[in-house]
């Protein structure tokens, strides 16, 4: 039986009571506030194609979501490690950003041009699949408001509750229809070609991985190529794009990711 004197258990009961009703999202946020006190929380629904939909967000300060619409929703989401998880249909569960981000993530242009500006220090995210063709991430963040990362005990608490959180999330948003399912999403290289930048499929794949923050060695492991071959693709890519650095590549490609 739940202990009514335990605020975390009481908050969980309230979230269950409000399932599929108005007030569920704030009740879920209250549950996490009692559990691990995140500085911010956001729920994003990713359709098969196009930008995600923001289902709920809450933060202690304005900085963390200050560029959400202008940068993240307009293209930078394609470089988000959690978006990559959803795209490859990783198993539902709890993931920590430090564990799933590419090996060179702190040096990626996504990190330096967007992520650093959010002030985020640490992130935990539940990945769920509430409806066919739809993935959902519920991200708990720590930023400058607290100035600290999630502790191992806090991470473990979120992991222990993962089956319950996933069940609640999948039930609450089960009727959510993914947007943009009428037509298949164009391949990445085709999307770039439509914007006037013709790359081969492999060059486009390498370009995306570079922007996501994968090192040459990591790209080789993922694609089954030698580091020397990856370097050749990278050199050809830079020549085709008329750039000489990752910063220039980011500046060129990010606007091309944004909707027409």
Foldseek 3Di string as FASTA:
>chain_A
DQDCVQQLSVLLVVLVVQFLHPPNVVSVVSNLCSQFNFQKKWKWKDFLDAFTDTPDIDGVDCFLCVCCVVACRFFLVLLQQVVVCVNVVPDWAKDKCVVRAAPQQCVACSCVVPVVRNQWDIKMWTWEDLEPRMIMIMIGTHGPVVPDYGDPVSSVSRRVCTVVVRVSVSRRCNPPDGPPPPDHDDQQQVLLVVVPQHDDSVLSVLLSCRNSGHDLVRVCVVVVHDSVVSVVSVVVSCVSVVHDDSVVSCVVCRNSRGDD
